[in-house]
């Protein structure tokens, strides 16, 4: 790794004490912040709708990563890892009158995707 290479993850050495720092402190902080921004997962809720707009509740929260998604129910009883967020919806449908949907959250806007459509 050279001084111009971006941060990519754990170094090849177990103990980095003998390695030269990649950057000065302010540049290192900036690179770490950029890494966090570039790798932040998307946040979504799994919302159960009762009947036709009779009531609703957040049943679970999830993180969508580049290659998979993780979902945890609000009561802690269910934890699921899947290839895509939409594939979790079936686990939260119940009968014909309780349907699950994804609601994507972003800091600036709240996007809604009924029945598992694409993220905004």
N, C-alpha and C. Protein backbone atom coordinates (compact mmCIF):
# COMPACT_ATOMS: atom_id res chain seq x y z
N UNK A 1 0.85 -1.17 0.00
CA UNK A 1 0.00 0.00 0.00
C UNK A 1 0.89 1.24 0.00
N UNK A 2 0.60 2.16 -0.88
CA UNK A 2 1.39 3.39 -0.92
C UNK A 2 0.66 4.50 -0.21
N UNK A 3 1.34 5.64 -0.02
CA UNK A 3 0.73 6.77 0.67
C UNK A 3 -0.47 7.33 -0.08
N UNK A 4 -0.59 7.06 -1.36
CA UNK A 4 -1.72 7.57 -2.15
C UNK A 4 -2.86 6.57 -2.25
N UNK A 5 -2.67 5.35 -1.78
CA UNK A 5 -3.72 4.34 -1.87
C UNK A 5 -4.81 4.62 -0.86
N UNK A 6 -6.08 4.44 -1.25
CA UNK A 6 -7.17 4.63 -0.28
C UNK A 6 -7.17 3.50 0.75
N UNK A 7 -7.81 3.75 1.85
CA UNK A 7 -7.95 2.72 2.88
C UNK A 7 -8.86 1.63 2.35
N UNK A 8 -8.51 0.40 2.59
CA UNK A 8 -9.30 -0.71 2.05
C UNK A 8 -9.69 -1.75 3.07
N UNK A 9 -9.11 -1.73 4.24
CA UNK A 9 -9.46 -2.74 5.22
C UNK A 9 -8.24 -3.14 6.03
N UNK A 10 -8.33 -4.30 6.69
CA UNK A 10 -7.24 -4.70 7.58
C UNK A 10 -5.95 -4.91 6.80
N UNK A 11 -4.80 -4.53 7.40
CA UNK A 11 -3.52 -4.75 6.74
C UNK A 11 -3.16 -6.23 6.77
N UNK A 12 -2.13 -6.58 6.01
CA UNK A 12 -1.69 -7.97 5.94
C UNK A 12 -0.99 -8.42 7.21
N UNK A 13 -0.55 -7.49 8.04
CA UNK A 13 0.17 -7.81 9.27
C UNK A 13 -0.79 -7.85 10.45
N UNK A 14 -0.53 -8.77 11.39
CA UNK A 14 -1.36 -8.81 12.59
C UNK A 14 -1.09 -7.63 13.50
N UNK A 15 0.18 -7.25 13.67
CA UNK A 15 0.54 -6.14 14.54
C UNK A 15 1.12 -5.02 13.68
N UNK A 16 0.38 -3.94 13.49
CA UNK A 16 0.84 -2.87 12.61
C UNK A 16 1.85 -1.92 13.25
N UNK A 17 2.33 -2.22 14.45
CA UNK A 17 3.22 -1.31 15.17
C UNK A 17 4.49 -1.00 14.39
N UNK A 18 4.95 -1.93 13.54
CA UNK A 18 6.20 -1.71 12.81
C UNK A 18 5.99 -1.07 11.44
N UNK A 19 4.76 -0.71 11.11
CA UNK A 19 4.46 -0.12 9.80
C UNK A 19 4.45 1.40 9.85
N UNK A 20 4.80 2.01 8.74
CA UNK A 20 4.79 3.47 8.61
C UNK A 20 3.36 3.94 8.36
N UNK A 21 2.92 5.03 9.00
CA UNK A 21 1.57 5.54 8.75
C UNK A 21 1.38 5.89 7.27
N UNK A 22 0.18 5.66 6.77
CA UNK A 22 -0.14 5.98 5.38
C UNK A 22 -0.15 7.49 5.14
N UNK A 23 -0.72 8.23 6.07
CA UNK A 23 -0.95 9.66 5.90
C UNK A 23 -0.67 10.38 7.21
N UNK A 24 -0.66 11.71 7.14
CA UNK A 24 -0.64 12.48 8.39
C UNK A 24 -2.02 12.34 9.03
N UNK A 25 -2.18 12.82 10.27
CA UNK A 25 -3.42 12.57 11.01
C UNK A 25 -4.65 13.15 10.32
N UNK A 26 -4.59 14.38 9.83
CA UNK A 26 -5.78 14.99 9.22
C UNK A 26 -6.17 14.28 7.93
N UNK A 27 -5.22 13.86 7.13
CA UNK A 27 -5.53 13.13 5.89
C UNK A 27 -6.09 11.75 6.22
N UNK A 28 -5.53 11.11 7.26
CA UNK A 28 -6.03 9.80 7.66
C UNK A 28 -7.49 9.89 8.09
N UNK A 29 -7.82 10.91 8.89
CA UNK A 29 -9.20 11.11 9.33
C UNK A 29 -10.11 11.33 8.12
N UNK A 30 -9.67 12.12 7.16
CA UNK A 30 -10.46 12.37 5.96
C UNK A 30 -10.68 11.08 5.17
N UNK A 31 -9.65 10.25 5.06
CA UNK A 31 -9.77 8.98 4.33
C UNK A 31 -10.72 8.02 5.04
N UNK A 32 -10.65 7.98 6.36
CA UNK A 32 -11.56 7.13 7.13
C UNK A 32 -13.00 7.61 6.94
N UNK A 33 -13.22 8.91 7.01
CA UNK A 33 -14.57 9.45 6.81
C UNK A 33 -15.08 9.14 5.41
N UNK A 34 -14.23 9.23 4.41
CA UNK A 34 -14.65 8.90 3.04
C UNK A 34 -15.00 7.41 2.93
N UNK A 35 -14.21 6.55 3.59
CA UNK A 35 -14.49 5.11 3.59
C UNK A 35 -15.87 4.85 4.21
N UNK A 36 -16.17 5.52 5.31
CA UNK A 36 -17.47 5.35 5.97
C UNK A 36 -18.61 5.79 5.05
N UNK A 37 -18.46 6.95 4.42
CA UNK A 37 -19.50 7.45 3.51
C UNK A 37 -19.70 6.48 2.34
N UNK A 38 -18.63 5.98 1.77
CA UNK A 38 -18.72 5.09 0.61
C UNK A 38 -19.29 3.71 0.94
N UNK A 39 -19.19 3.28 2.19
CA UNK A 39 -19.62 1.94 2.54
C UNK A 39 -20.83 1.91 3.48
N UNK A 40 -21.48 3.03 3.68
CA UNK A 40 -22.65 3.07 4.55
C UNK A 40 -23.78 2.24 3.96
N UNK A 41 -24.34 1.31 4.74
CA UNK A 41 -25.48 0.55 4.22
C UNK A 41 -26.74 1.42 4.20
N UNK A 42 -27.69 1.05 3.35
CA UNK A 42 -28.98 1.74 3.30
C UNK A 42 -29.85 1.21 4.44
N UNK A 43 -30.58 2.09 5.10
CA UNK A 43 -31.45 1.72 6.21
C UNK A 43 -32.89 1.61 5.70
N UNK A 44 -33.58 0.56 6.13
CA UNK A 44 -34.99 0.41 5.77
C UNK A 44 -35.76 -0.22 6.92
N UNK A 45 -37.06 0.00 6.89
CA UNK A 45 -37.96 -0.64 7.84
C UNK A 45 -38.83 -1.64 7.09
N UNK A 46 -39.18 -2.71 7.78
CA UNK A 46 -40.20 -3.64 7.28
C UNK A 46 -41.46 -3.27 8.04
N UNK A 47 -42.44 -2.76 7.31
CA UNK A 47 -43.69 -2.29 7.92
C UNK A 47 -44.81 -3.28 7.59
N UNK A 48 -45.53 -3.70 8.62
CA UNK A 48 -46.70 -4.54 8.41
C UNK A 48 -47.94 -3.65 8.39
N UNK A 49 -48.72 -3.79 7.32
CA UNK A 49 -49.98 -3.06 7.19
C UNK A 49 -51.12 -4.03 7.49
N UNK A 50 -52.00 -3.63 8.41
CA UNK A 50 -53.13 -4.44 8.81
C UNK A 50 -54.35 -4.03 8.00
N UNK A 51 -54.93 -5.00 7.27
CA UNK A 51 -56.07 -4.68 6.44
C UNK A 51 -55.68 -3.68 5.38
N UNK A 52 -56.66 -2.89 4.97
CA UNK A 52 -56.40 -1.84 3.98
C UNK A 52 -56.30 -0.51 4.71
N UNK A 53 -55.07 -0.16 5.15
CA UNK A 53 -54.78 1.08 5.87
C UNK A 53 -55.51 1.17 7.21
N UNK A 54 -55.87 0.04 7.81
CA UNK A 54 -56.51 0.04 9.12
C UNK A 54 -55.50 0.40 10.20
N UNK A 55 -54.30 -0.17 10.12
CA UNK A 55 -53.24 0.11 11.07
C UNK A 55 -51.94 -0.38 10.46
N UNK A 56 -50.83 -0.01 11.09
CA UNK A 56 -49.51 -0.45 10.62
C UNK A 56 -48.55 -0.42 11.80
N UNK A 57 -47.48 -1.21 11.66
CA UNK A 57 -46.43 -1.18 12.67
C UNK A 57 -45.10 -1.50 12.01
N UNK A 58 -44.03 -1.00 12.61
CA UNK A 58 -42.70 -1.38 12.16
C UNK A 58 -42.40 -2.73 12.79
N UNK A 59 -42.21 -3.73 11.95
CA UNK A 59 -41.95 -5.09 12.42
C UNK A 59 -40.46 -5.38 12.52
N UNK A 60 -39.66 -4.70 11.69
CA UNK A 60 -38.22 -4.97 11.68
C UNK A 60 -37.48 -3.80 11.06
N UNK A 61 -36.18 -3.75 11.33
CA UNK A 61 -35.26 -2.78 10.72
C UNK A 61 -34.21 -3.56 9.96
N UNK A 62 -33.74 -2.98 8.87
CA UNK A 62 -32.74 -3.67 8.07
C UNK A 62 -31.68 -2.74 7.52
N UNK A 63 -30.55 -3.35 7.19
CA UNK A 63 -29.46 -2.67 6.52
C UNK A 63 -29.24 -3.36 5.18
N UNK A 64 -29.21 -2.59 4.10
CA UNK A 64 -28.91 -3.13 2.77
C UNK A 64 -27.46 -2.79 2.43
N UNK A 65 -26.64 -3.81 2.34
CA UNK A 65 -25.25 -3.66 1.94
C UNK A 65 -25.15 -3.89 0.44
N UNK A 66 -23.98 -3.70 -0.13
CA UNK A 66 -23.80 -3.86 -1.57
C UNK A 66 -24.13 -5.28 -2.03
N UNK A 67 -23.83 -6.29 -1.21
CA UNK A 67 -24.01 -7.67 -1.65
C UNK A 67 -25.00 -8.50 -0.83
N UNK A 68 -25.62 -7.89 0.19
CA UNK A 68 -26.60 -8.62 0.99
C UNK A 68 -27.35 -7.64 1.89
N UNK A 69 -28.32 -8.16 2.62
CA UNK A 69 -29.07 -7.35 3.57
C UNK A 69 -29.20 -8.12 4.89
N UNK A 70 -29.30 -7.37 5.97
CA UNK A 70 -29.49 -7.94 7.31
C UNK A 70 -30.76 -7.31 7.90
N UNK A 71 -31.61 -8.13 8.51
CA UNK A 71 -32.85 -7.65 9.09
C UNK A 71 -32.99 -8.21 10.51
N UNK A 72 -33.43 -7.35 11.44
CA UNK A 72 -33.68 -7.76 12.81
C UNK A 72 -35.07 -7.27 13.19
N UNK A 73 -35.91 -8.18 13.70
CA UNK A 73 -37.25 -7.77 14.12
C UNK A 73 -37.15 -6.88 15.35
N UNK A 74 -38.14 -6.01 15.52
CA UNK A 74 -38.10 -5.07 16.64
C UNK A 74 -38.18 -5.78 17.99
N UNK A 75 -38.77 -6.96 18.03
CA UNK A 75 -38.83 -7.70 19.29
C UNK A 75 -37.60 -8.59 19.50
N UNK A 76 -36.68 -8.60 18.53
CA UNK A 76 -35.46 -9.37 18.65
C UNK A 76 -35.60 -10.85 18.38
N UNK A 77 -36.79 -11.30 18.03
CA UNK A 77 -37.01 -12.73 17.82
C UNK A 77 -36.60 -13.26 16.46
N UNK A 78 -36.40 -12.37 15.50
CA UNK A 78 -36.04 -12.80 14.14
C UNK A 78 -34.81 -12.01 13.69
N UNK A 79 -33.86 -12.73 13.15
CA UNK A 79 -32.69 -12.11 12.51
C UNK A 79 -32.46 -12.87 11.21
N UNK A 80 -32.44 -12.13 10.09
CA UNK A 80 -32.36 -12.77 8.78
C UNK A 80 -31.27 -12.09 7.95
N UNK A 81 -30.50 -12.91 7.26
CA UNK A 81 -29.54 -12.41 6.27
C UNK A 81 -30.02 -12.93 4.92
N UNK A 82 -30.10 -12.03 3.92
CA UNK A 82 -30.59 -12.43 2.62
C UNK A 82 -29.82 -11.70 1.52
N UNK A 83 -30.02 -12.14 0.28
CA UNK A 83 -29.34 -11.52 -0.86
C UNK A 83 -29.86 -10.12 -1.15
N UNK A 84 -31.15 -9.89 -0.97
CA UNK A 84 -31.76 -8.60 -1.27
C UNK A 84 -32.85 -8.30 -0.24
N UNK A 85 -33.05 -7.03 0.11
CA UNK A 85 -34.05 -6.68 1.13
C UNK A 85 -35.45 -7.20 0.81
N UNK A 86 -35.84 -7.15 -0.45
CA UNK A 86 -37.21 -7.54 -0.82
C UNK A 86 -37.52 -8.99 -0.48
N UNK A 87 -36.51 -9.84 -0.40
CA UNK A 87 -36.77 -11.25 -0.15
C UNK A 87 -37.23 -11.53 1.28
N UNK A 88 -37.12 -10.58 2.17
CA UNK A 88 -37.55 -10.77 3.56
C UNK A 88 -39.05 -10.57 3.75
N UNK A 89 -39.70 -9.94 2.81
CA UNK A 89 -41.11 -9.57 2.99
C UNK A 89 -42.01 -10.75 3.31
N UNK A 90 -41.79 -11.88 2.68
CA UNK A 90 -42.62 -13.07 2.92
C UNK A 90 -42.63 -13.51 4.37
N UNK A 91 -41.52 -13.30 5.06
CA UNK A 91 -41.44 -13.69 6.47
C UNK A 91 -42.32 -12.82 7.36
N UNK A 92 -42.74 -11.67 6.85
CA UNK A 92 -43.54 -10.75 7.66
C UNK A 92 -44.97 -10.59 7.16
N UNK A 93 -45.35 -11.33 6.10
CA UNK A 93 -46.76 -11.40 5.70
C UNK A 93 -47.45 -12.36 6.65
N UNK A 94 -48.73 -12.15 6.90
CA UNK A 94 -49.48 -13.08 7.74
C UNK A 94 -50.91 -13.16 7.20
N UNK A 95 -51.26 -14.31 6.72
CA UNK A 95 -52.60 -14.48 6.16
C UNK A 95 -52.79 -13.59 4.94
N UNK A 96 -54.07 -13.23 4.70
CA UNK A 96 -54.37 -12.39 3.54
C UNK A 96 -54.46 -10.92 3.91
N UNK A 97 -54.54 -10.57 5.18
CA UNK A 97 -54.81 -9.19 5.56
C UNK A 97 -53.65 -8.48 6.25
N UNK A 98 -52.54 -9.14 6.49
CA UNK A 98 -51.37 -8.48 7.05
C UNK A 98 -50.25 -8.61 6.03
N UNK A 99 -49.93 -7.50 5.39
CA UNK A 99 -48.94 -7.48 4.32
C UNK A 99 -47.73 -6.68 4.76
N UNK A 100 -46.57 -7.10 4.33
CA UNK A 100 -45.33 -6.39 4.66
C UNK A 100 -44.86 -5.58 3.46
N UNK A 101 -44.21 -4.47 3.76
CA UNK A 101 -43.63 -3.63 2.72
C UNK A 101 -42.35 -3.00 3.23
N UNK A 102 -41.46 -2.64 2.31
CA UNK A 102 -40.22 -1.94 2.67
C UNK A 102 -40.47 -0.45 2.64
N UNK A 103 -39.93 0.24 3.61
CA UNK A 103 -39.93 1.70 3.61
C UNK A 103 -38.47 2.10 3.80
N UNK A 104 -37.91 2.73 2.77
CA UNK A 104 -36.50 3.13 2.77
C UNK A 104 -36.34 4.45 3.49
N UNK A 105 -35.32 4.56 4.31
CA UNK A 105 -35.04 5.80 5.02
C UNK A 105 -33.74 6.40 4.51
N UNK A 106 -33.77 7.70 4.27
CA UNK A 106 -32.56 8.46 3.98
C UNK A 106 -32.62 9.71 4.86
N UNK A 107 -31.48 10.27 5.21
CA UNK A 107 -31.48 11.45 6.10
C UNK A 107 -32.29 12.63 5.55
N UNK A 108 -32.36 12.79 4.24
CA UNK A 108 -33.03 13.97 3.67
C UNK A 108 -34.47 13.73 3.26
N UNK A 109 -34.77 12.52 2.86
CA UNK A 109 -36.13 12.23 2.39
C UNK A 109 -36.56 10.87 2.90
N UNK A 110 -37.84 10.67 2.93
CA UNK A 110 -38.38 9.38 3.30
C UNK A 110 -39.06 8.83 2.06
N UNK A 111 -38.49 7.76 1.49
CA UNK A 111 -39.08 7.16 0.30
C UNK A 111 -39.90 5.96 0.69
N UNK A 112 -40.93 5.68 -0.04
CA UNK A 112 -41.83 4.57 0.27
C UNK A 112 -41.86 3.64 -0.92
N UNK A 113 -41.74 2.36 -0.66
CA UNK A 113 -41.76 1.37 -1.71
C UNK A 113 -42.70 0.26 -1.32
N UNK A 114 -43.91 0.27 -1.83
CA UNK A 114 -44.90 -0.74 -1.49
C UNK A 114 -44.53 -2.09 -2.07
N UNK A 115 -44.69 -3.11 -1.25
CA UNK A 115 -44.53 -4.47 -1.73
C UNK A 115 -43.13 -4.82 -2.18
N UNK A 116 -42.12 -4.04 -1.81
CA UNK A 116 -40.75 -4.44 -2.10
C UNK A 116 -40.18 -3.90 -3.37
N UNK A 117 -40.66 -2.78 -3.85
CA UNK A 117 -40.09 -2.18 -5.06
C UNK A 117 -38.69 -1.68 -4.84
N UNK A 118 -38.12 -1.11 -5.86
CA UNK A 118 -36.73 -0.64 -5.81
C UNK A 118 -36.59 0.54 -4.87
N UNK A 119 -35.41 0.66 -4.33
CA UNK A 119 -35.10 1.79 -3.45
C UNK A 119 -35.11 3.08 -4.25
N UNK A 120 -35.46 4.21 -3.59
CA UNK A 120 -35.48 5.47 -4.33
C UNK A 120 -34.09 5.89 -4.73
